[in-house]
Every structure is written in structure tokens, then in C-alpha cells.
Amino acid sequence: YDSKKSGGLTTSHLRFSDELICSTYLIEHADFISCSTTAYVHKYELLKELKPKGIFLLNTRWDIDELQSKLPQKLIDELIKKEVRFYTINASELANQLGLGNKINIIMETVFFYLSEIIPFELASNQIKQMIKKTYQKSGITTIEKNIMAIQETISQINKINVSQSWIENRLKTRKRTEESH
């Protein structure tokens, strides 16, 4: 995992277990996939490795109508076929509002622990806060407070998106109207 790689593609294969994990293989059937860059929905097969009924989190500024019109059809088909639990958050805007610039890692990490329920969220939240205090102690109390505020503000910003067959039908209707008007 490389937390210093801002703006580029990072694929992290995280495994959690009560037992020691000694293997080095990559995950082929993920329970949770997160995409921090909206443009990647057009560039990569994001859900290829996601298990049926898995969680997909997308950092985006798109609202429900924009998602419906801008997501690639192949991605929508896969969301429906795999019965994906799909969530969005505008982590970029939240980070900006909190004075964190483009640093969305704490927000995305918070959403991961909240949605995945790997460990109780209160425990995860407290651990993240401790990590923030340790990591940013040299940056000062203001940086620590902004990051802790990010944890507190994040949960209310998560959007559950219900993708259904109607999305496909609406696209077909829109396409048909467009063709008829030309």
C-alpha cells in the first residue's frame, strides 16, 4: 500500500483475518472495491474482481441523474448483475470544505470501515483518530482537528445508490428521443 501516491492508480489488496495471514497472493474475489477517481469508470474494469453483493464505493461529484447518464453501460450492467451495494461520496468536496485540499485518504478510509463492518465502526473510528494524532503531530493541532473533523463529517455524506433495470430503460428512452429529434 502506498499512501503517498496521490492522483495515480493504486491497487491495494487488503486482507483481514483473526488469524495470521502468511500468503502473498492477490485478491481475486473482493468484498469491497473503492474508486477515488471518477474518470476511472471509463478507463478500467472496476468491478471485474468484485464478488456478487459486494460493495462498490465511488468518489464522485455526480448526482443520481449524472450517474445514470454518465456511468458506462457495461458498469451499470455489472452493478445490476452482481447485485452490487453501490455507494458514492464526494470526498474531494468534503476535503476541500474542511481545508484538507485534495487529501481524501482519511475520508475514504472512514467510509471503508463504516461500510465494510470489518471491525465495529466505533473502534475503527477511534483507531483512525489515534493514527491521525500520531501521524500529524508535527503538522500541528489544526491539521489534526481538520482530519478528525473529516471522520465526523464523512458518514452523513455517504449516498446509497440503487441501480435497477429502470436505468437501462431510461437510457434507451433517452437514446430513442435523441435519434427521433435528429
N, C-alpha and C. Protein backbone atom coordinates (compact mmCIF):
# COMPACT_ATOMS: atom_id res chain seq x y z
N TYR A 1 0.84 -1.18 0.00
CA TYR A 1 0.00 0.00 0.00
C TYR A 1 0.88 1.24 0.00
N ASP A 2 0.55 2.20 -0.85
CA ASP A 2 1.36 3.41 -0.95
C ASP A 2 0.47 4.62 -0.76
N SER A 3 0.41 5.14 0.44
CA SER A 3 -0.45 6.28 0.75
C SER A 3 0.10 7.59 0.24
N LYS A 4 1.32 7.61 -0.25
CA LYS A 4 1.94 8.84 -0.76
C LYS A 4 1.68 9.04 -2.25
N LYS A 5 0.99 8.13 -2.88
CA LYS A 5 0.79 8.16 -4.32
C LYS A 5 -0.52 8.88 -4.66
N SER A 6 -0.55 10.18 -4.51
CA SER A 6 -1.74 10.98 -4.79
C SER A 6 -1.93 11.15 -6.28
N GLY A 7 -3.18 10.96 -6.72
CA GLY A 7 -3.54 11.23 -8.09
C GLY A 7 -3.26 10.12 -9.08
N GLY A 8 -2.56 9.09 -8.71
CA GLY A 8 -2.26 7.99 -9.62
C GLY A 8 -3.06 6.76 -9.27
N LEU A 9 -2.92 5.75 -10.07
CA LEU A 9 -3.63 4.49 -9.83
C LEU A 9 -2.89 3.69 -8.77
N THR A 10 -3.60 3.34 -7.73
CA THR A 10 -3.06 2.47 -6.68
C THR A 10 -4.05 1.33 -6.49
N THR A 11 -3.58 0.13 -6.60
CA THR A 11 -4.41 -1.03 -6.33
C THR A 11 -3.88 -1.66 -5.04
N SER A 12 -4.74 -1.69 -4.04
CA SER A 12 -4.36 -2.26 -2.75
C SER A 12 -5.17 -3.52 -2.51
N HIS A 13 -4.49 -4.59 -2.19
CA HIS A 13 -5.15 -5.86 -1.88
C HIS A 13 -5.05 -6.05 -0.37
N LEU A 14 -6.10 -5.67 0.33
CA LEU A 14 -6.10 -5.75 1.79
C LEU A 14 -6.89 -6.97 2.23
N ARG A 15 -6.32 -7.72 3.14
CA ARG A 15 -7.00 -8.89 3.70
C ARG A 15 -7.03 -8.75 5.20
N PHE A 16 -8.16 -9.13 5.78
CA PHE A 16 -8.33 -9.05 7.23
C PHE A 16 -8.67 -10.44 7.75
N SER A 17 -8.07 -10.79 8.89
CA SER A 17 -8.33 -12.08 9.48
C SER A 17 -7.94 -12.04 10.96
N ASP A 18 -8.62 -12.85 11.75
CA ASP A 18 -8.24 -13.00 13.15
C ASP A 18 -6.96 -13.84 13.26
N GLU A 19 -6.68 -14.60 12.21
CA GLU A 19 -5.50 -15.46 12.16
C GLU A 19 -4.40 -14.75 11.36
N LEU A 20 -3.15 -15.15 11.58
CA LEU A 20 -2.02 -14.63 10.84
C LEU A 20 -2.18 -14.98 9.36
N ILE A 21 -2.00 -14.01 8.47
CA ILE A 21 -2.07 -14.25 7.03
C ILE A 21 -0.65 -14.35 6.52
N CYS A 22 -0.29 -15.53 6.01
CA CYS A 22 1.09 -15.77 5.58
C CYS A 22 1.23 -15.84 4.07
N SER A 23 0.14 -15.77 3.34
CA SER A 23 0.21 -15.90 1.89
C SER A 23 0.47 -14.56 1.23
N THR A 24 0.93 -14.61 -0.02
CA THR A 24 1.28 -13.39 -0.74
C THR A 24 0.41 -13.17 -1.98
N TYR A 25 -0.61 -13.98 -2.20
CA TYR A 25 -1.42 -13.88 -3.41
C TYR A 25 -2.29 -12.62 -3.41
N LEU A 26 -2.64 -12.19 -4.60
CA LEU A 26 -3.54 -11.05 -4.75
C LEU A 26 -4.98 -11.52 -4.64
N ILE A 27 -5.85 -10.64 -4.24
CA ILE A 27 -7.27 -10.98 -4.09
C ILE A 27 -7.91 -11.06 -5.47
N GLU A 28 -8.62 -12.15 -5.71
CA GLU A 28 -9.31 -12.33 -6.99
C GLU A 28 -10.81 -12.15 -6.86
N HIS A 29 -11.31 -12.19 -5.63
CA HIS A 29 -12.75 -12.05 -5.39
C HIS A 29 -12.94 -11.11 -4.20
N ALA A 30 -13.04 -9.84 -4.50
CA ALA A 30 -13.08 -8.81 -3.46
C ALA A 30 -14.48 -8.60 -2.91
N ASP A 31 -14.54 -8.28 -1.62
CA ASP A 31 -15.79 -7.91 -0.97
C ASP A 31 -16.06 -6.42 -1.11
N PHE A 32 -15.00 -5.64 -1.33
CA PHE A 32 -15.10 -4.19 -1.33
C PHE A 32 -14.13 -3.63 -2.37
N ILE A 33 -14.65 -2.78 -3.24
CA ILE A 33 -13.80 -2.07 -4.21
C ILE A 33 -14.14 -0.60 -4.12
N SER A 34 -13.11 0.21 -4.06
CA SER A 34 -13.27 1.66 -3.96
C SER A 34 -12.54 2.31 -5.13
N CYS A 35 -13.17 3.34 -5.69
CA CYS A 35 -12.55 4.11 -6.77
C CYS A 35 -12.56 5.58 -6.36
N SER A 36 -11.38 6.16 -6.24
CA SER A 36 -11.25 7.55 -5.79
C SER A 36 -11.26 8.55 -6.93
N THR A 37 -11.19 8.08 -8.17
CA THR A 37 -11.14 8.96 -9.34
C THR A 37 -12.25 8.61 -10.31
N THR A 38 -13.23 9.48 -10.45
CA THR A 38 -14.40 9.22 -11.28
C THR A 38 -14.04 8.81 -12.70
N ALA A 39 -13.04 9.42 -13.28
CA ALA A 39 -12.66 9.13 -14.67
C ALA A 39 -12.31 7.65 -14.87
N TYR A 40 -11.92 6.97 -13.81
CA TYR A 40 -11.54 5.56 -13.93
C TYR A 40 -12.72 4.66 -14.30
N VAL A 41 -13.95 5.13 -14.12
CA VAL A 41 -15.10 4.29 -14.51
C VAL A 41 -15.10 4.06 -16.02
N HIS A 42 -14.47 4.95 -16.78
CA HIS A 42 -14.40 4.81 -18.23
C HIS A 42 -13.12 4.11 -18.67
N LYS A 43 -12.17 3.98 -17.78
CA LYS A 43 -10.83 3.51 -18.16
C LYS A 43 -10.54 2.07 -17.73
N TYR A 44 -11.13 1.63 -16.62
CA TYR A 44 -10.81 0.32 -16.06
C TYR A 44 -12.07 -0.51 -15.82
N GLU A 45 -11.91 -1.83 -15.80
CA GLU A 45 -13.00 -2.74 -15.44
C GLU A 45 -13.00 -2.84 -13.92
N LEU A 46 -13.62 -1.89 -13.28
CA LEU A 46 -13.53 -1.75 -11.83
C LEU A 46 -14.18 -2.89 -11.05
N LEU A 47 -15.22 -3.48 -11.60
CA LEU A 47 -15.97 -4.48 -10.84
C LEU A 47 -15.60 -5.92 -11.21
N LYS A 48 -14.61 -6.09 -12.04
CA LYS A 48 -14.22 -7.42 -12.51
C LYS A 48 -13.97 -8.39 -11.36
N GLU A 49 -13.29 -7.93 -10.33
CA GLU A 49 -12.91 -8.80 -9.21
C GLU A 49 -13.90 -8.76 -8.05
N LEU A 50 -14.97 -7.97 -8.16
CA LEU A 50 -15.91 -7.83 -7.05
C LEU A 50 -16.85 -9.03 -6.97
N LYS A 51 -17.01 -9.55 -5.76
CA LYS A 51 -17.93 -10.66 -5.51
C LYS A 51 -19.37 -10.20 -5.71
N PRO A 52 -20.27 -11.12 -6.03
CA PRO A 52 -21.69 -10.76 -6.04
C PRO A 52 -22.10 -10.21 -4.68
N LYS A 53 -22.91 -9.18 -4.68
CA LYS A 53 -23.40 -8.48 -3.49
C LYS A 53 -22.28 -7.77 -2.72
N GLY A 54 -21.14 -7.57 -3.40
CA GLY A 54 -20.04 -6.82 -2.80
C GLY A 54 -20.36 -5.33 -2.76
N ILE A 55 -19.43 -4.58 -2.20
CA ILE A 55 -19.61 -3.13 -2.05
C ILE A 55 -18.70 -2.41 -3.03
N PHE A 56 -19.27 -1.44 -3.75
CA PHE A 56 -18.50 -0.57 -4.63
C PHE A 56 -18.71 0.87 -4.18
N LEU A 57 -17.61 1.54 -3.86
CA LEU A 57 -17.62 2.93 -3.42
C LEU A 57 -16.96 3.79 -4.49
N LEU A 58 -17.66 4.84 -4.92
CA LEU A 58 -17.13 5.75 -5.93
C LEU A 58 -17.06 7.17 -5.37
N ASN A 59 -15.87 7.75 -5.40
CA ASN A 59 -15.71 9.16 -5.06
C ASN A 59 -16.08 9.95 -6.31
N THR A 60 -17.14 10.72 -6.24
CA THR A 60 -17.60 11.47 -7.41
C THR A 60 -18.42 12.67 -6.99
N ARG A 61 -18.46 13.66 -7.87
CA ARG A 61 -19.34 14.80 -7.64
C ARG A 61 -20.68 14.59 -8.33
N TRP A 62 -20.81 13.52 -9.13
CA TRP A 62 -22.04 13.25 -9.88
C TRP A 62 -23.20 12.97 -8.94
N ASP A 63 -24.35 13.56 -9.26
CA ASP A 63 -25.58 13.24 -8.52
C ASP A 63 -26.22 12.02 -9.19
N ILE A 64 -27.38 11.62 -8.72
CA ILE A 64 -28.03 10.39 -9.22
C ILE A 64 -28.32 10.47 -10.71
N ASP A 65 -28.78 11.62 -11.20
CA ASP A 65 -29.08 11.76 -12.63
C ASP A 65 -27.82 11.66 -13.47
N GLU A 66 -26.75 12.28 -13.00
CA GLU A 66 -25.48 12.22 -13.73
C GLU A 66 -24.91 10.80 -13.72
N LEU A 67 -25.04 10.11 -12.59
CA LEU A 67 -24.59 8.72 -12.54
C LEU A 67 -25.33 7.90 -13.59
N GLN A 68 -26.64 8.09 -13.63
CA GLN A 68 -27.48 7.33 -14.54
C GLN A 68 -27.09 7.59 -16.00
N SER A 69 -26.72 8.81 -16.32
CA SER A 69 -26.41 9.14 -17.71
C SER A 69 -24.93 8.98 -18.06
N LYS A 70 -24.04 9.09 -17.08
CA LYS A 70 -22.60 9.11 -17.38
C LYS A 70 -21.86 7.80 -17.11
N LEU A 71 -22.38 6.95 -16.23
CA LEU A 71 -21.68 5.69 -16.00
C LEU A 71 -21.71 4.84 -17.26
N PRO A 72 -20.64 4.15 -17.56
CA PRO A 72 -20.63 3.28 -18.75
C PRO A 72 -21.69 2.17 -18.61
N GLN A 73 -22.31 1.84 -19.73
CA GLN A 73 -23.35 0.81 -19.71
C GLN A 73 -22.83 -0.51 -19.15
N LYS A 74 -21.61 -0.86 -19.49
CA LYS A 74 -21.02 -2.12 -19.01
C LYS A 74 -20.95 -2.12 -17.47
N LEU A 75 -20.61 -0.99 -16.88
CA LEU A 75 -20.54 -0.88 -15.43
C LEU A 75 -21.94 -1.01 -14.82
N ILE A 76 -22.91 -0.35 -15.41
CA ILE A 76 -24.29 -0.45 -14.92
C ILE A 76 -24.77 -1.89 -14.99
N ASP A 77 -24.50 -2.56 -16.12
CA ASP A 77 -24.91 -3.96 -16.28
C ASP A 77 -24.30 -4.83 -15.18
N GLU A 78 -23.04 -4.59 -14.88
CA GLU A 78 -22.36 -5.38 -13.86
C GLU A 78 -22.89 -5.06 -12.45
N LEU A 79 -23.18 -3.80 -12.19
CA LEU A 79 -23.78 -3.42 -10.91
C LEU A 79 -25.09 -4.19 -10.70
N ILE A 80 -25.89 -4.28 -11.74
CA ILE A 80 -27.19 -4.97 -11.65
C ILE A 80 -26.97 -6.48 -11.55
N LYS A 81 -26.17 -7.03 -12.44
CA LYS A 81 -25.94 -8.48 -12.49
C LYS A 81 -25.39 -9.02 -11.16
N LYS A 82 -24.43 -8.30 -10.58
CA LYS A 82 -23.80 -8.77 -9.35
C LYS A 82 -24.54 -8.29 -8.09
N GLU A 83 -25.63 -7.55 -8.28
CA GLU A 83 -26.39 -7.01 -7.14
C GLU A 83 -25.47 -6.28 -6.17
N VAL A 84 -24.65 -5.41 -6.76
CA VAL A 84 -23.63 -4.66 -6.01
C VAL A 84 -24.30 -3.65 -5.09
N ARG A 85 -23.77 -3.54 -3.89
CA ARG A 85 -24.17 -2.47 -2.98
C ARG A 85 -23.30 -1.27 -3.35
N PHE A 86 -23.91 -0.30 -4.00
CA PHE A 86 -23.20 0.82 -4.62
C PHE A 86 -23.40 2.08 -3.79
N TYR A 87 -22.27 2.72 -3.46
CA TYR A 87 -22.28 3.95 -2.67
C TYR A 87 -21.40 5.00 -3.35
N THR A 88 -21.79 6.25 -3.17
CA THR A 88 -20.95 7.35 -3.62
C THR A 88 -20.70 8.30 -2.47
N ILE A 89 -19.64 9.06 -2.62
CA ILE A 89 -19.33 10.15 -1.70
C ILE A 89 -18.54 11.19 -2.50
N ASN A 90 -18.76 12.44 -2.20
CA ASN A 90 -17.95 13.48 -2.82
C ASN A 90 -16.85 13.84 -1.82
N ALA A 91 -15.90 12.93 -1.71
CA ALA A 91 -14.80 13.11 -0.74
C ALA A 91 -13.94 14.31 -1.10
N SER A 92 -13.81 14.58 -2.38
CA SER A 92 -12.99 15.72 -2.82
C SER A 92 -13.58 17.03 -2.32
N GLU A 93 -14.89 17.19 -2.46
CA GLU A 93 -15.53 18.42 -1.99
C GLU A 93 -15.47 18.53 -0.46
N LEU A 94 -15.72 17.41 0.23
CA LEU A 94 -15.67 17.42 1.68
C LEU A 94 -14.27 17.80 2.17
N ALA A 95 -13.25 17.20 1.58
CA ALA A 95 -11.87 17.51 1.97
C ALA A 95 -11.58 18.99 1.74
N ASN A 96 -12.05 19.50 0.64
CA ASN A 96 -11.83 20.91 0.32
C ASN A 96 -12.55 21.81 1.35
N GLN A 97 -13.78 21.48 1.68
CA GLN A 97 -14.54 22.25 2.66
C GLN A 97 -13.87 22.27 4.03
N LEU A 98 -13.22 21.17 4.37
CA LEU A 98 -12.57 21.04 5.68
C LEU A 98 -11.15 21.61 5.69
N GLY A 99 -10.70 22.10 4.56
CA GLY A 99 -9.36 22.66 4.49
C GLY A 99 -8.27 21.63 4.31
N LEU A 100 -8.62 20.45 3.79
CA LEU A 100 -7.65 19.38 3.59
C LEU A 100 -7.12 19.34 2.15
N GLY A 101 -7.55 20.29 1.33
CA GLY A 101 -7.12 20.30 -0.06
C GLY A 101 -7.61 19.08 -0.79
N ASN A 102 -6.71 18.38 -1.49
CA ASN A 102 -7.10 17.19 -2.24
C ASN A 102 -6.81 15.90 -1.47
N LYS A 103 -6.58 15.99 -0.19
CA LYS A 103 -6.24 14.82 0.63
C LYS A 103 -7.53 14.14 1.12
N ILE A 104 -7.91 13.07 0.44
CA ILE A 104 -9.17 12.39 0.74
C ILE A 104 -8.98 11.06 1.47
N ASN A 105 -7.73 10.71 1.79
CA ASN A 105 -7.45 9.38 2.33
C ASN A 105 -8.21 9.09 3.63
N ILE A 106 -8.29 10.03 4.55
CA ILE A 106 -8.99 9.80 5.82
C ILE A 106 -10.48 9.60 5.57
N ILE A 107 -11.04 10.36 4.65
CA ILE A 107 -12.46 10.25 4.30
C ILE A 107 -12.74 8.87 3.71
N MET A 108 -11.96 8.46 2.74
CA MET A 108 -12.17 7.17 2.08
C MET A 108 -11.94 6.01 3.05
N GLU A 109 -10.96 6.14 3.91
CA GLU A 109 -10.69 5.12 4.92
C GLU A 109 -11.88 5.00 5.88
N THR A 110 -12.43 6.13 6.28
CA THR A 110 -13.58 6.15 7.18
C THR A 110 -14.77 5.44 6.53
N VAL A 111 -15.02 5.76 5.26
CA VAL A 111 -16.14 5.12 4.55
C VAL A 111 -15.91 3.61 4.47
N PHE A 112 -14.68 3.20 4.18
CA PHE A 112 -14.37 1.77 4.10
C PHE A 112 -14.75 1.07 5.40
N PHE A 113 -14.29 1.58 6.51
CA PHE A 113 -14.57 0.91 7.78
C PHE A 113 -16.05 0.98 8.15
N TYR A 114 -16.71 2.06 7.79
CA TYR A 114 -18.14 2.19 8.08
C TYR A 114 -18.96 1.17 7.27
N LEU A 115 -18.67 1.07 5.97
CA LEU A 115 -19.46 0.19 5.11
C LEU A 115 -19.07 -1.28 5.22
N SER A 116 -17.80 -1.55 5.37
CA SER A 116 -17.34 -2.95 5.36
C SER A 116 -17.65 -3.69 6.65
N GLU A 117 -17.74 -2.98 7.73
CA GLU A 117 -18.02 -3.58 9.05
C GLU A 117 -17.00 -4.67 9.39
N ILE A 118 -15.77 -4.50 8.93
CA ILE A 118 -14.68 -5.44 9.25
C ILE A 118 -14.49 -5.51 10.76
N ILE A 119 -14.52 -4.35 11.37
CA ILE A 119 -14.50 -4.23 12.84
C ILE A 119 -15.58 -3.22 13.21
N PRO A 120 -16.04 -3.22 14.45
CA PRO A 120 -17.04 -2.22 14.83
C PRO A 120 -16.56 -0.81 14.48
N PHE A 121 -17.47 -0.01 13.88
CA PHE A 121 -17.06 1.30 13.39
C PHE A 121 -16.52 2.20 14.49
N GLU A 122 -17.08 2.15 15.67
CA GLU A 122 -16.59 3.00 16.76
C GLU A 122 -15.11 2.68 17.07
N LEU A 123 -14.77 1.40 17.07
CA LEU A 123 -13.38 1.00 17.29
C LEU A 123 -12.50 1.51 16.15
N ALA A 124 -12.96 1.32 14.91
CA ALA A 124 -12.19 1.79 13.75
C ALA A 124 -11.99 3.30 13.82
N SER A 125 -13.06 4.02 14.13
CA SER A 125 -13.01 5.48 14.21
C SER A 125 -11.99 5.93 15.26
N ASN A 126 -12.02 5.30 16.41
CA ASN A 126 -11.06 5.65 17.46
C ASN A 126 -9.62 5.34 17.05
N GLN A 127 -9.42 4.24 16.35
CA GLN A 127 -8.08 3.87 15.89
C GLN A 127 -7.58 4.87 14.84
N ILE A 128 -8.48 5.28 13.94
CA ILE A 128 -8.10 6.27 12.92
C ILE A 128 -7.71 7.58 13.59
N LYS A 129 -8.47 7.99 14.61
CA LYS A 129 -8.16 9.23 15.32
C LYS A 129 -6.79 9.15 15.99
N GLN A 130 -6.46 8.01 16.58
CA GLN A 130 -5.15 7.83 17.21
C GLN A 130 -4.04 7.91 16.16
N MET A 131 -4.29 7.28 15.00
CA MET A 131 -3.31 7.31 13.91
C MET A 131 -3.11 8.75 13.43
N ILE A 132 -4.19 9.51 13.32
CA ILE A 132 -4.11 10.92 12.89
C ILE A 132 -3.25 11.71 13.86
N LYS A 133 -3.50 11.54 15.16
CA LYS A 133 -2.73 12.28 16.17
C LYS A 133 -1.25 11.96 16.08
N LYS A 134 -0.93 10.70 15.86
CA LYS A 134 0.47 10.28 15.76
C LYS A 134 1.10 10.76 14.45
N THR A 135 0.39 10.59 13.35
CA THR A 135 0.92 10.93 12.04
C THR A 135 1.13 12.43 11.85
N TYR A 136 0.18 13.22 12.34
CA TYR A 136 0.20 14.66 12.08
C TYR A 136 0.64 15.51 13.27
N GLN A 137 1.22 14.89 14.29
CA GLN A 137 1.61 15.66 15.47
C GLN A 137 2.59 16.79 15.14
N LYS A 138 3.48 16.58 14.18
CA LYS A 138 4.44 17.63 13.81
C LYS A 138 3.79 18.71 12.95
N SER A 139 2.65 18.39 12.33
CA SER A 139 1.95 19.38 11.49
C SER A 139 1.12 20.35 12.31
N GLY A 140 0.82 19.97 13.55
CA GLY A 140 0.10 20.88 14.42
C GLY A 140 -1.34 20.49 14.69
N ILE A 141 -1.90 21.11 15.70
CA ILE A 141 -3.24 20.79 16.17
C ILE A 141 -4.31 21.09 15.12
N THR A 142 -4.12 22.12 14.30
CA THR A 142 -5.11 22.46 13.28
C THR A 142 -5.26 21.32 12.27
N THR A 143 -4.16 20.76 11.82
CA THR A 143 -4.20 19.64 10.87
C THR A 143 -4.86 18.43 11.51
N ILE A 144 -4.55 18.17 12.76
CA ILE A 144 -5.16 17.05 13.48
C ILE A 144 -6.67 17.26 13.58
N GLU A 145 -7.08 18.46 13.97
CA GLU A 145 -8.51 18.75 14.12
C GLU A 145 -9.26 18.64 12.80
N LYS A 146 -8.67 19.11 11.71
CA LYS A 146 -9.32 19.01 10.39
C LYS A 146 -9.54 17.55 10.00
N ASN A 147 -8.54 16.72 10.24
CA ASN A 147 -8.65 15.30 9.89
C ASN A 147 -9.66 14.58 10.77
N ILE A 148 -9.69 14.91 12.04
CA ILE A 148 -10.69 14.31 12.94
C ILE A 148 -12.09 14.77 12.54
N MET A 149 -12.22 16.03 12.15
CA MET A 149 -13.50 16.54 11.67
C MET A 149 -13.94 15.77 10.43
N ALA A 150 -12.99 15.39 9.59
CA ALA A 150 -13.31 14.62 8.38
C ALA A 150 -14.00 13.31 8.75
N ILE A 151 -13.51 12.65 9.79
CA ILE A 151 -14.13 11.40 10.24
C ILE A 151 -15.58 11.67 10.67
N GLN A 152 -15.77 12.72 11.42
CA GLN A 152 -17.09 13.04 11.96
C GLN A 152 -18.08 13.45 10.87
N GLU A 153 -17.60 14.10 9.83
CA GLU A 153 -18.49 14.59 8.77
C GLU A 153 -18.76 13.56 7.68
N THR A 154 -17.91 12.58 7.56
CA THR A 154 -17.97 11.64 6.43
C THR A 154 -19.26 10.84 6.35
N ILE A 155 -19.68 10.24 7.43
CA ILE A 155 -20.80 9.30 7.39
C ILE A 155 -22.06 9.93 6.80
N SER A 156 -22.33 11.18 7.14
CA SER A 156 -23.54 11.84 6.63
C SER A 156 -23.44 12.16 5.14
N GLN A 157 -22.26 12.01 4.56
CA GLN A 157 -22.06 12.34 3.15
C GLN A 157 -22.11 11.12 2.23
N ILE A 158 -22.29 9.94 2.81
CA ILE A 158 -22.34 8.70 2.01
C ILE A 158 -23.73 8.58 1.38
N ASN A 159 -23.75 8.26 0.09
CA ASN A 159 -25.02 8.08 -0.64
C ASN A 159 -25.16 6.64 -1.10
N LYS A 160 -26.25 6.00 -0.73
CA LYS A 160 -26.56 4.65 -1.22
C LYS A 160 -27.26 4.83 -2.56
N ILE A 161 -26.74 4.17 -3.59
CA ILE A 161 -27.30 4.29 -4.94
C ILE A 161 -27.96 2.97 -5.31
N ASN A 162 -29.24 3.05 -5.61
CA ASN A 162 -29.99 1.85 -6.03
C ASN A 162 -30.05 1.81 -7.55
N VAL A 163 -29.21 0.98 -8.13
CA VAL A 163 -29.18 0.82 -9.57
C VAL A 163 -30.17 -0.29 -9.92
N SER A 164 -31.03 0.00 -10.90
CA SER A 164 -32.02 -1.00 -11.28
C SER A 164 -32.15 -1.06 -12.79
N GLN A 165 -32.96 -1.98 -13.24
CA GLN A 165 -33.23 -2.17 -14.66
C GLN A 165 -33.79 -0.88 -15.27
N SER A 166 -34.45 -0.06 -14.46
CA SER A 166 -35.02 1.19 -14.97
C SER A 166 -33.95 2.13 -15.52
N TRP A 167 -32.72 2.01 -14.99
CA TRP A 167 -31.63 2.85 -15.51
C TRP A 167 -31.41 2.53 -16.99
N ILE A 168 -31.42 1.25 -17.32
CA ILE A 168 -31.21 0.83 -18.70
C ILE A 168 -32.38 1.30 -19.56
N GLU A 169 -33.60 1.11 -19.05
CA GLU A 169 -34.79 1.53 -19.79
C GLU A 169 -34.78 3.04 -20.03
N ASN A 170 -34.40 3.83 -19.02
CA ASN A 170 -34.33 5.28 -19.18
C ASN A 170 -33.30 5.68 -20.22
N ARG A 171 -32.19 4.98 -20.25
CA ARG A 171 -31.16 5.28 -21.27
C ARG A 171 -31.68 5.00 -22.66
N LEU A 172 -32.40 3.88 -22.80
CA LEU A 172 -32.95 3.53 -24.11
C LEU A 172 -33.96 4.58 -24.56
N LYS A 173 -34.81 5.04 -23.64
CA LYS A 173 -35.79 6.08 -23.97
C LYS A 173 -35.10 7.38 -24.38
N THR A 174 -34.07 7.77 -23.64
CA THR A 174 -33.33 8.99 -23.95
C THR A 174 -32.67 8.87 -25.32
N ARG A 175 -32.06 7.72 -25.58
CA ARG A 175 -31.39 7.50 -26.87
C ARG A 175 -32.41 7.57 -28.01
N LYS A 176 -33.58 6.96 -27.79
CA LYS A 176 -34.62 6.95 -28.82
C LYS A 176 -35.11 8.37 -29.10
N ARG A 177 -35.33 9.18 -28.04
CA ARG A 177 -35.76 10.57 -28.22
C ARG A 177 -34.71 11.38 -28.97
N THR A 178 -33.44 11.14 -28.65
CA THR A 178 -32.35 11.84 -29.32
C THR A 178 -32.32 11.50 -30.81
N GLU A 179 -32.48 10.22 -31.11
CA GLU A 179 -32.47 9.78 -32.51
C GLU A 179 -33.66 10.35 -33.27
N GLU A 180 -34.83 10.42 -32.62
CA GLU A 180 -36.03 10.95 -33.27
C GLU A 180 -35.93 12.44 -33.54
N SER A 181 -35.20 13.17 -32.68
CA SER A 181 -35.09 14.61 -32.86
C SER A 181 -34.10 14.99 -33.96
N HIS A 182 -33.30 14.05 -34.42
CA HIS A 182 -32.32 14.35 -35.47
C HIS A 182 -32.90 14.05 -36.80
